[in-house]
Amino acid sequence: MSDNPTIAMLTDAFGRVRGLVQRLTDGLDDPVATFRVDDEANTPAWLLWHLSRIQDDHVADLAGVEQAWTSWRDRFDLPLPAGDTGFGHGPEEVASVRADAALLDGYHADVHALTLRYVEQLTDDELARVVDTRWDPPVTASARLVSVLGDCWQHLGQAAYVIGMAQRAG
């Protein structure tokens, strides 16, 4: 573990995301992965895919590296544009995201590795770097990382809830 408390905290936080993805994909079968509480709700598979896509997209952009998705896109074989992250998806797009547990977990494992490579090299200057001026105040790399973590945890909680609903439904 790093002596830098910021790096240690971010490593721990993203490690918790990784652990939750592993826990939610362990034993995840197709009926549960594709369960919807109603016709317009998100599925666990979509939620896990989307949180991985957002983490991948945002962290790769911060790091200035290629997304892990580049090597996973063909394996998922989704009827979506190549760079799609799921943002703004409607019910049809959500339903089109079908992936087994191993695929979801494997992709997130690579996203997590990409994330750790970036986090391990963070400096105070990098954390303070402005990465998006469309907001007031402008978004820094540190704010973007916190935003990614918040998005991941929100979607993990939603996926866990829907998985629980699917299991109770039988």
N, C-alpha and C. Protein backbone atom coordinates (compact mmCIF):
# COMPACT_ATOMS: atom_id res chain seq x y z
N MET A 1 0.85 -1.18 0.00
CA MET A 1 0.00 0.00 0.00
C MET A 1 0.89 1.24 0.00
N SER A 2 0.41 2.27 -0.64
CA SER A 2 1.14 3.51 -0.78
C SER A 2 1.27 4.25 0.56
N ASP A 3 2.36 4.99 0.70
CA ASP A 3 2.53 5.87 1.85
C ASP A 3 1.71 7.15 1.69
N ASN A 4 1.32 7.45 0.45
CA ASN A 4 0.52 8.64 0.18
C ASN A 4 -0.93 8.34 0.60
N PRO A 5 -1.47 9.10 1.56
CA PRO A 5 -2.82 8.78 2.05
C PRO A 5 -3.91 8.92 0.99
N THR A 6 -3.75 9.82 0.05
CA THR A 6 -4.75 9.98 -1.00
C THR A 6 -4.75 8.75 -1.91
N ILE A 7 -3.57 8.31 -2.30
CA ILE A 7 -3.47 7.12 -3.15
C ILE A 7 -3.98 5.90 -2.40
N ALA A 8 -3.65 5.79 -1.13
CA ALA A 8 -4.12 4.65 -0.33
C ALA A 8 -5.64 4.65 -0.23
N MET A 9 -6.23 5.83 -0.03
CA MET A 9 -7.69 5.93 0.09
C MET A 9 -8.36 5.58 -1.23
N LEU A 10 -7.88 6.10 -2.34
CA LEU A 10 -8.48 5.80 -3.64
C LEU A 10 -8.29 4.34 -4.02
N THR A 11 -7.14 3.77 -3.69
CA THR A 11 -6.91 2.35 -3.95
C THR A 11 -7.90 1.51 -3.17
N ASP A 12 -8.11 1.86 -1.92
CA ASP A 12 -9.08 1.14 -1.09
C ASP A 12 -10.50 1.31 -1.64
N ALA A 13 -10.87 2.53 -1.99
CA ALA A 13 -12.22 2.80 -2.48
C ALA A 13 -12.51 2.03 -3.77
N PHE A 14 -11.59 2.09 -4.72
CA PHE A 14 -11.81 1.36 -5.97
C PHE A 14 -11.70 -0.15 -5.74
N GLY A 15 -10.92 -0.57 -4.77
CA GLY A 15 -10.86 -1.98 -4.40
C GLY A 15 -12.19 -2.47 -3.86
N ARG A 16 -12.89 -1.62 -3.14
CA ARG A 16 -14.22 -1.98 -2.63
C ARG A 16 -15.22 -2.13 -3.77
N VAL A 17 -15.12 -1.24 -4.76
CA VAL A 17 -15.96 -1.37 -5.95
C VAL A 17 -15.69 -2.73 -6.61
N ARG A 18 -14.41 -3.04 -6.78
CA ARG A 18 -14.03 -4.31 -7.41
C ARG A 18 -14.61 -5.50 -6.64
N GLY A 19 -14.47 -5.46 -5.32
CA GLY A 19 -14.98 -6.54 -4.49
C GLY A 19 -16.48 -6.72 -4.62
N LEU A 20 -17.20 -5.60 -4.71
CA LEU A 20 -18.66 -5.68 -4.85
C LEU A 20 -19.05 -6.22 -6.22
N VAL A 21 -18.34 -5.83 -7.26
CA VAL A 21 -18.62 -6.39 -8.59
C VAL A 21 -18.41 -7.91 -8.55
N GLN A 22 -17.31 -8.34 -7.93
CA GLN A 22 -17.04 -9.77 -7.84
C GLN A 22 -18.16 -10.49 -7.09
N ARG A 23 -18.59 -9.90 -5.99
CA ARG A 23 -19.64 -10.53 -5.19
C ARG A 23 -20.95 -10.61 -5.96
N LEU A 24 -21.30 -9.56 -6.69
CA LEU A 24 -22.56 -9.55 -7.42
C LEU A 24 -22.54 -10.45 -8.65
N THR A 25 -21.38 -10.66 -9.24
CA THR A 25 -21.31 -11.53 -10.42
C THR A 25 -21.12 -12.99 -10.04
N ASP A 26 -20.72 -13.27 -8.81
CA ASP A 26 -20.52 -14.65 -8.38
C ASP A 26 -21.85 -15.40 -8.39
N GLY A 27 -21.97 -16.35 -9.29
CA GLY A 27 -23.19 -17.14 -9.39
C GLY A 27 -24.34 -16.46 -10.13
N LEU A 28 -24.08 -15.30 -10.71
CA LEU A 28 -25.12 -14.57 -11.44
C LEU A 28 -25.50 -15.35 -12.70
N ASP A 29 -26.76 -15.76 -12.79
CA ASP A 29 -27.21 -16.48 -13.98
C ASP A 29 -28.06 -15.56 -14.85
N ASP A 30 -28.35 -16.02 -16.06
CA ASP A 30 -29.06 -15.18 -17.03
C ASP A 30 -30.43 -14.71 -16.55
N PRO A 31 -31.27 -15.56 -15.95
CA PRO A 31 -32.57 -15.05 -15.51
C PRO A 31 -32.46 -13.90 -14.49
N VAL A 32 -31.47 -13.97 -13.63
CA VAL A 32 -31.29 -12.90 -12.64
C VAL A 32 -30.61 -11.70 -13.30
N ALA A 33 -29.60 -11.93 -14.14
CA ALA A 33 -28.87 -10.85 -14.80
C ALA A 33 -29.78 -9.99 -15.68
N THR A 34 -30.84 -10.59 -16.22
CA THR A 34 -31.73 -9.88 -17.13
C THR A 34 -33.07 -9.51 -16.49
N PHE A 35 -33.18 -9.71 -15.19
CA PHE A 35 -34.43 -9.41 -14.48
C PHE A 35 -34.70 -7.91 -14.49
N ARG A 36 -35.97 -7.56 -14.71
CA ARG A 36 -36.40 -6.16 -14.66
C ARG A 36 -37.62 -6.08 -13.74
N VAL A 37 -37.62 -5.10 -12.86
CA VAL A 37 -38.77 -4.96 -11.96
C VAL A 37 -39.99 -4.45 -12.71
N ASP A 38 -39.77 -3.80 -13.85
CA ASP A 38 -40.84 -3.46 -14.79
C ASP A 38 -40.21 -3.31 -16.17
N ASP A 39 -41.02 -3.05 -17.18
CA ASP A 39 -40.53 -3.04 -18.57
C ASP A 39 -39.52 -1.95 -18.88
N GLU A 40 -39.42 -0.95 -18.03
CA GLU A 40 -38.49 0.14 -18.30
C GLU A 40 -37.33 0.20 -17.31
N ALA A 41 -37.25 -0.77 -16.43
CA ALA A 41 -36.20 -0.77 -15.40
C ALA A 41 -34.88 -1.30 -15.93
N ASN A 42 -33.81 -0.93 -15.26
CA ASN A 42 -32.47 -1.43 -15.59
C ASN A 42 -32.29 -2.84 -15.06
N THR A 43 -31.55 -3.64 -15.80
CA THR A 43 -31.23 -5.01 -15.39
C THR A 43 -29.91 -5.02 -14.62
N PRO A 44 -29.66 -6.04 -13.81
CA PRO A 44 -28.36 -6.15 -13.16
C PRO A 44 -27.20 -6.19 -14.17
N ALA A 45 -27.38 -6.91 -15.27
CA ALA A 45 -26.31 -6.97 -16.28
C ALA A 45 -26.02 -5.58 -16.82
N TRP A 46 -27.06 -4.82 -17.15
CA TRP A 46 -26.85 -3.47 -17.66
C TRP A 46 -26.18 -2.59 -16.61
N LEU A 47 -26.63 -2.66 -15.36
CA LEU A 47 -26.05 -1.83 -14.31
C LEU A 47 -24.57 -2.12 -14.11
N LEU A 48 -24.19 -3.39 -14.12
CA LEU A 48 -22.78 -3.77 -13.94
C LEU A 48 -21.95 -3.38 -15.16
N TRP A 49 -22.51 -3.57 -16.35
CA TRP A 49 -21.82 -3.16 -17.57
C TRP A 49 -21.63 -1.65 -17.59
N HIS A 50 -22.70 -0.92 -17.30
CA HIS A 50 -22.67 0.54 -17.34
C HIS A 50 -21.67 1.13 -16.34
N LEU A 51 -21.67 0.63 -15.11
CA LEU A 51 -20.73 1.19 -14.14
C LEU A 51 -19.29 0.91 -14.57
N SER A 52 -19.07 -0.24 -15.19
CA SER A 52 -17.72 -0.55 -15.69
C SER A 52 -17.36 0.35 -16.87
N ARG A 53 -18.34 0.60 -17.76
CA ARG A 53 -18.08 1.47 -18.91
C ARG A 53 -17.76 2.89 -18.46
N ILE A 54 -18.52 3.40 -17.48
CA ILE A 54 -18.27 4.77 -17.01
C ILE A 54 -16.90 4.85 -16.34
N GLN A 55 -16.58 3.89 -15.48
CA GLN A 55 -15.27 3.90 -14.82
C GLN A 55 -14.17 3.83 -15.88
N ASP A 56 -14.31 2.93 -16.83
CA ASP A 56 -13.33 2.77 -17.91
C ASP A 56 -13.18 4.06 -18.71
N ASP A 57 -14.30 4.60 -19.18
CA ASP A 57 -14.29 5.81 -20.00
C ASP A 57 -13.64 6.98 -19.28
N HIS A 58 -14.06 7.21 -18.05
CA HIS A 58 -13.59 8.39 -17.33
C HIS A 58 -12.14 8.26 -16.87
N VAL A 59 -11.77 7.10 -16.35
CA VAL A 59 -10.40 6.94 -15.86
C VAL A 59 -9.42 6.88 -17.03
N ALA A 60 -9.77 6.20 -18.11
CA ALA A 60 -8.89 6.17 -19.28
C ALA A 60 -8.68 7.58 -19.81
N ASP A 61 -9.75 8.38 -19.82
CA ASP A 61 -9.62 9.77 -20.26
C ASP A 61 -8.68 10.55 -19.35
N LEU A 62 -8.83 10.38 -18.04
CA LEU A 62 -7.93 11.06 -17.10
C LEU A 62 -6.48 10.65 -17.33
N ALA A 63 -6.28 9.36 -17.53
CA ALA A 63 -4.92 8.82 -17.67
C ALA A 63 -4.34 9.04 -19.06
N GLY A 64 -5.18 9.39 -20.02
CA GLY A 64 -4.71 9.56 -21.39
C GLY A 64 -4.31 8.25 -22.03
N VAL A 65 -5.06 7.19 -21.70
CA VAL A 65 -4.76 5.86 -22.25
C VAL A 65 -6.00 5.29 -22.93
N GLU A 66 -5.80 4.21 -23.66
CA GLU A 66 -6.91 3.53 -24.32
C GLU A 66 -7.79 2.83 -23.29
N GLN A 67 -9.08 2.83 -23.53
CA GLN A 67 -10.01 2.15 -22.64
C GLN A 67 -9.82 0.64 -22.71
N ALA A 68 -10.07 -0.03 -21.61
CA ALA A 68 -10.08 -1.49 -21.59
C ALA A 68 -11.14 -2.03 -22.54
N TRP A 69 -12.22 -1.27 -22.74
CA TRP A 69 -13.33 -1.67 -23.59
C TRP A 69 -12.87 -2.07 -24.99
N THR A 70 -11.82 -1.46 -25.47
CA THR A 70 -11.32 -1.75 -26.81
C THR A 70 -11.07 -3.25 -26.99
N SER A 71 -10.55 -3.92 -25.97
CA SER A 71 -10.28 -5.35 -26.09
C SER A 71 -11.46 -6.22 -25.63
N TRP A 72 -12.51 -5.61 -25.12
CA TRP A 72 -13.67 -6.36 -24.64
C TRP A 72 -14.91 -6.18 -25.52
N ARG A 73 -14.95 -5.12 -26.28
CA ARG A 73 -16.14 -4.77 -27.08
C ARG A 73 -16.63 -5.94 -27.94
N ASP A 74 -15.73 -6.59 -28.66
CA ASP A 74 -16.14 -7.70 -29.54
C ASP A 74 -16.64 -8.90 -28.75
N ARG A 75 -16.09 -9.12 -27.57
CA ARG A 75 -16.55 -10.24 -26.75
C ARG A 75 -17.97 -10.03 -26.26
N PHE A 76 -18.32 -8.79 -25.99
CA PHE A 76 -19.69 -8.49 -25.55
C PHE A 76 -20.67 -8.55 -26.71
N ASP A 77 -20.21 -8.18 -27.90
CA ASP A 77 -21.03 -8.25 -29.12
C ASP A 77 -22.39 -7.60 -28.93
N LEU A 78 -22.38 -6.36 -28.46
CA LEU A 78 -23.61 -5.62 -28.20
C LEU A 78 -24.03 -4.83 -29.44
N PRO A 79 -25.31 -4.68 -29.68
CA PRO A 79 -25.79 -3.90 -30.82
C PRO A 79 -25.82 -2.40 -30.51
N LEU A 80 -24.68 -1.90 -30.05
CA LEU A 80 -24.56 -0.50 -29.63
C LEU A 80 -23.35 0.12 -30.30
N PRO A 81 -23.32 1.44 -30.43
CA PRO A 81 -22.13 2.08 -30.99
C PRO A 81 -20.87 1.74 -30.17
N ALA A 82 -19.74 1.73 -30.83
CA ALA A 82 -18.48 1.27 -30.22
C ALA A 82 -18.15 1.98 -28.91
N GLY A 83 -18.37 3.27 -28.83
CA GLY A 83 -17.99 4.02 -27.63
C GLY A 83 -19.10 4.19 -26.61
N ASP A 84 -20.22 3.53 -26.81
CA ASP A 84 -21.38 3.68 -25.93
C ASP A 84 -21.03 3.29 -24.49
N THR A 85 -21.46 4.13 -23.55
CA THR A 85 -21.25 3.86 -22.12
C THR A 85 -22.55 3.55 -21.40
N GLY A 86 -23.67 3.68 -22.09
CA GLY A 86 -24.96 3.46 -21.46
C GLY A 86 -25.65 4.72 -21.01
N PHE A 87 -24.96 5.84 -21.06
CA PHE A 87 -25.56 7.10 -20.62
C PHE A 87 -26.76 7.42 -21.52
N GLY A 88 -27.92 7.64 -20.91
CA GLY A 88 -29.12 8.00 -21.64
C GLY A 88 -29.86 6.84 -22.28
N HIS A 89 -29.47 5.63 -21.96
CA HIS A 89 -30.14 4.47 -22.54
C HIS A 89 -31.61 4.41 -22.14
N GLY A 90 -32.43 4.02 -23.11
CA GLY A 90 -33.83 3.75 -22.87
C GLY A 90 -34.03 2.25 -22.69
N PRO A 91 -35.27 1.83 -22.51
CA PRO A 91 -35.56 0.43 -22.24
C PRO A 91 -35.02 -0.56 -23.28
N GLU A 92 -35.05 -0.18 -24.55
CA GLU A 92 -34.57 -1.10 -25.59
C GLU A 92 -33.06 -1.31 -25.50
N GLU A 93 -32.32 -0.24 -25.29
CA GLU A 93 -30.87 -0.37 -25.17
C GLU A 93 -30.50 -1.17 -23.92
N VAL A 94 -31.22 -0.91 -22.84
CA VAL A 94 -30.96 -1.66 -21.60
C VAL A 94 -31.16 -3.14 -21.85
N ALA A 95 -32.24 -3.50 -22.51
CA ALA A 95 -32.54 -4.90 -22.79
C ALA A 95 -31.50 -5.54 -23.70
N SER A 96 -30.84 -4.72 -24.52
CA SER A 96 -29.85 -5.27 -25.46
C SER A 96 -28.53 -5.66 -24.79
N VAL A 97 -28.32 -5.20 -23.57
CA VAL A 97 -27.08 -5.54 -22.86
C VAL A 97 -27.29 -6.85 -22.13
N ARG A 98 -26.83 -7.90 -22.78
CA ARG A 98 -26.90 -9.25 -22.22
C ARG A 98 -25.47 -9.76 -22.15
N ALA A 99 -25.07 -10.13 -20.96
CA ALA A 99 -23.70 -10.63 -20.77
C ALA A 99 -23.69 -11.55 -19.57
N ASP A 100 -22.88 -12.60 -19.68
CA ASP A 100 -22.82 -13.52 -18.53
C ASP A 100 -21.90 -12.96 -17.45
N ALA A 101 -21.95 -13.60 -16.31
CA ALA A 101 -21.22 -13.14 -15.14
C ALA A 101 -19.72 -13.07 -15.39
N ALA A 102 -19.16 -14.07 -16.06
CA ALA A 102 -17.72 -14.10 -16.31
C ALA A 102 -17.29 -12.93 -17.18
N LEU A 103 -18.09 -12.59 -18.17
CA LEU A 103 -17.78 -11.47 -19.05
C LEU A 103 -17.83 -10.15 -18.28
N LEU A 104 -18.88 -9.95 -17.52
CA LEU A 104 -19.02 -8.73 -16.72
C LEU A 104 -17.87 -8.59 -15.72
N ASP A 105 -17.55 -9.68 -15.03
CA ASP A 105 -16.49 -9.65 -14.03
C ASP A 105 -15.12 -9.46 -14.68
N GLY A 106 -14.87 -10.15 -15.78
CA GLY A 106 -13.58 -10.03 -16.46
C GLY A 106 -13.33 -8.63 -16.97
N TYR A 107 -14.35 -8.04 -17.59
CA TYR A 107 -14.21 -6.67 -18.07
C TYR A 107 -13.92 -5.73 -16.91
N HIS A 108 -14.69 -5.85 -15.84
CA HIS A 108 -14.43 -4.94 -14.71
C HIS A 108 -13.04 -5.17 -14.11
N ALA A 109 -12.55 -6.40 -14.10
CA ALA A 109 -11.20 -6.66 -13.59
C ALA A 109 -10.16 -5.86 -14.38
N ASP A 110 -10.32 -5.82 -15.70
CA ASP A 110 -9.39 -5.03 -16.52
C ASP A 110 -9.56 -3.53 -16.28
N VAL A 111 -10.79 -3.09 -16.10
CA VAL A 111 -11.04 -1.67 -15.78
C VAL A 111 -10.39 -1.33 -14.44
N HIS A 112 -10.53 -2.22 -13.49
CA HIS A 112 -9.93 -1.99 -12.17
C HIS A 112 -8.40 -1.90 -12.28
N ALA A 113 -7.80 -2.78 -13.07
CA ALA A 113 -6.34 -2.74 -13.26
C ALA A 113 -5.92 -1.41 -13.89
N LEU A 114 -6.67 -0.96 -14.89
CA LEU A 114 -6.38 0.33 -15.53
C LEU A 114 -6.49 1.45 -14.49
N THR A 115 -7.53 1.38 -13.66
CA THR A 115 -7.75 2.40 -12.63
C THR A 115 -6.59 2.44 -11.64
N LEU A 116 -6.15 1.27 -11.18
CA LEU A 116 -5.04 1.23 -10.22
C LEU A 116 -3.75 1.76 -10.82
N ARG A 117 -3.51 1.47 -12.09
CA ARG A 117 -2.29 2.02 -12.74
C ARG A 117 -2.31 3.54 -12.71
N TYR A 118 -3.47 4.13 -12.96
CA TYR A 118 -3.59 5.58 -12.92
C TYR A 118 -3.46 6.10 -11.49
N VAL A 119 -4.19 5.52 -10.56
CA VAL A 119 -4.19 5.99 -9.17
C VAL A 119 -2.80 5.91 -8.56
N GLU A 120 -2.06 4.86 -8.85
CA GLU A 120 -0.73 4.68 -8.26
C GLU A 120 0.26 5.76 -8.65
N GLN A 121 0.02 6.45 -9.74
CA GLN A 121 0.96 7.50 -10.18
C GLN A 121 0.46 8.91 -9.90
N LEU A 122 -0.62 9.03 -9.14
CA LEU A 122 -1.19 10.35 -8.87
C LEU A 122 -0.25 11.25 -8.07
N THR A 123 -0.27 12.51 -8.43
CA THR A 123 0.46 13.56 -7.71
C THR A 123 -0.55 14.63 -7.32
N ASP A 124 -0.15 15.53 -6.45
CA ASP A 124 -1.02 16.64 -6.09
C ASP A 124 -1.38 17.47 -7.31
N ASP A 125 -0.39 17.69 -8.19
CA ASP A 125 -0.66 18.46 -9.40
C ASP A 125 -1.69 17.77 -10.30
N GLU A 126 -1.57 16.44 -10.44
CA GLU A 126 -2.53 15.70 -11.26
C GLU A 126 -3.93 15.77 -10.65
N LEU A 127 -4.04 15.63 -9.36
CA LEU A 127 -5.35 15.69 -8.70
C LEU A 127 -6.00 17.05 -8.87
N ALA A 128 -5.19 18.11 -8.95
CA ALA A 128 -5.71 19.47 -9.09
C ALA A 128 -5.94 19.86 -10.55
N ARG A 129 -5.49 19.05 -11.50
CA ARG A 129 -5.61 19.37 -12.93
C ARG A 129 -7.09 19.50 -13.32
N VAL A 130 -7.42 20.58 -14.01
CA VAL A 130 -8.77 20.79 -14.49
C VAL A 130 -8.98 19.92 -15.73
N VAL A 131 -10.03 19.10 -15.69
CA VAL A 131 -10.28 18.16 -16.78
C VAL A 131 -11.57 18.47 -17.54
N ASP A 132 -12.39 19.37 -17.01
CA ASP A 132 -13.65 19.71 -17.67
C ASP A 132 -14.06 21.11 -17.25
N THR A 133 -14.05 22.03 -18.21
CA THR A 133 -14.38 23.43 -17.91
C THR A 133 -15.86 23.75 -18.17
N ARG A 134 -16.65 22.75 -18.51
CA ARG A 134 -18.07 22.99 -18.78
C ARG A 134 -18.88 23.20 -17.51
N TRP A 135 -18.29 23.02 -16.36
CA TRP A 135 -18.99 23.13 -15.09
C TRP A 135 -18.44 24.32 -14.31
N ASP A 136 -19.22 24.80 -13.36
CA ASP A 136 -18.77 25.88 -12.48
C ASP A 136 -18.94 25.42 -11.05
N PRO A 137 -17.87 25.14 -10.33
CA PRO A 137 -16.48 25.31 -10.75
C PRO A 137 -16.04 24.20 -11.72
N PRO A 138 -14.96 24.46 -12.44
CA PRO A 138 -14.44 23.44 -13.36
C PRO A 138 -14.09 22.15 -12.60
N VAL A 139 -14.23 21.03 -13.30
CA VAL A 139 -14.00 19.72 -12.70
C VAL A 139 -12.51 19.38 -12.73
N THR A 140 -11.99 18.98 -11.57
CA THR A 140 -10.60 18.55 -11.47
C THR A 140 -10.53 17.02 -11.56
N ALA A 141 -9.33 16.51 -11.73
CA ALA A 141 -9.17 15.06 -11.76
C ALA A 141 -9.66 14.44 -10.46
N SER A 142 -9.40 15.08 -9.33
CA SER A 142 -9.86 14.52 -8.05
C SER A 142 -11.38 14.49 -7.98
N ALA A 143 -12.03 15.55 -8.44
CA ALA A 143 -13.50 15.58 -8.44
C ALA A 143 -14.05 14.51 -9.38
N ARG A 144 -13.40 14.30 -10.51
CA ARG A 144 -13.86 13.27 -11.45
C ARG A 144 -13.76 11.89 -10.82
N LEU A 145 -12.67 11.62 -10.10
CA LEU A 145 -12.52 10.32 -9.45
C LEU A 145 -13.61 10.10 -8.39
N VAL A 146 -13.90 11.13 -7.62
CA VAL A 146 -14.97 11.03 -6.62
C VAL A 146 -16.31 10.79 -7.31
N SER A 147 -16.54 11.46 -8.42
CA SER A 147 -17.78 11.28 -9.18
C SER A 147 -17.90 9.85 -9.70
N VAL A 148 -16.81 9.30 -10.21
CA VAL A 148 -16.81 7.92 -10.70
C VAL A 148 -17.13 6.96 -9.56
N LEU A 149 -16.50 7.16 -8.43
CA LEU A 149 -16.78 6.30 -7.27
C LEU A 149 -18.25 6.38 -6.87
N GLY A 150 -18.80 7.58 -6.82
CA GLY A 150 -20.20 7.75 -6.47
C GLY A 150 -21.11 7.04 -7.45
N ASP A 151 -20.82 7.15 -8.73
CA ASP A 151 -21.60 6.48 -9.76
C ASP A 151 -21.51 4.97 -9.60
N CYS A 152 -20.31 4.46 -9.37
CA CYS A 152 -20.13 3.02 -9.19
C CYS A 152 -20.92 2.51 -8.00
N TRP A 153 -20.80 3.18 -6.87
CA TRP A 153 -21.50 2.71 -5.66
C TRP A 153 -23.02 2.78 -5.84
N GLN A 154 -23.50 3.83 -6.50
CA GLN A 154 -24.93 3.96 -6.73
C GLN A 154 -25.42 2.79 -7.58
N HIS A 155 -24.72 2.48 -8.66
CA HIS A 155 -25.15 1.40 -9.54
C HIS A 155 -24.95 0.02 -8.91
N LEU A 156 -23.93 -0.12 -8.08
CA LEU A 156 -23.76 -1.38 -7.37
C LEU A 156 -24.92 -1.62 -6.40
N GLY A 157 -25.34 -0.58 -5.71
CA GLY A 157 -26.49 -0.70 -4.81
C GLY A 157 -27.75 -1.04 -5.57
N GLN A 158 -27.94 -0.40 -6.72
CA GLN A 158 -29.11 -0.71 -7.54
C GLN A 158 -29.06 -2.16 -8.03
N ALA A 159 -27.89 -2.60 -8.50
CA ALA A 159 -27.76 -3.98 -8.99
C ALA A 159 -28.03 -4.97 -7.86
N ALA A 160 -27.51 -4.72 -6.69
CA ALA A 160 -27.73 -5.61 -5.55
C ALA A 160 -29.22 -5.68 -5.22
N TYR A 161 -29.89 -4.56 -5.26
CA TYR A 161 -31.32 -4.52 -4.97
C TYR A 161 -32.11 -5.32 -6.00
N VAL A 162 -31.81 -5.11 -7.27
CA VAL A 162 -32.55 -5.82 -8.34
C VAL A 162 -32.25 -7.31 -8.29
N ILE A 163 -31.01 -7.67 -8.01
CA ILE A 163 -30.67 -9.09 -7.85
C ILE A 163 -31.48 -9.71 -6.71
N GLY A 164 -31.58 -9.00 -5.61
CA GLY A 164 -32.41 -9.47 -4.49
C GLY A 164 -33.87 -9.62 -4.88
N MET A 165 -34.38 -8.65 -5.64
CA MET A 165 -35.77 -8.74 -6.11
C MET A 165 -35.95 -9.96 -7.02
N ALA A 166 -34.99 -10.19 -7.91
CA ALA A 166 -35.07 -11.32 -8.82
C ALA A 166 -35.04 -12.65 -8.07
N GLN A 167 -34.19 -12.73 -7.08
CA GLN A 167 -34.09 -13.97 -6.30
C GLN A 167 -35.37 -14.21 -5.52
N ARG A 168 -35.98 -13.17 -4.99
CA ARG A 168 -37.24 -13.33 -4.26
C ARG A 168 -38.39 -13.70 -5.20
N ALA A 169 -38.32 -13.21 -6.44
CA ALA A 169 -39.38 -13.50 -7.42
C ALA A 169 -39.31 -14.94 -7.90
N GLY A 170 -38.16 -15.57 -7.67
CA GLY A 170 -38.07 -16.98 -7.95
C GLY A 170 -37.41 -17.39 -9.21
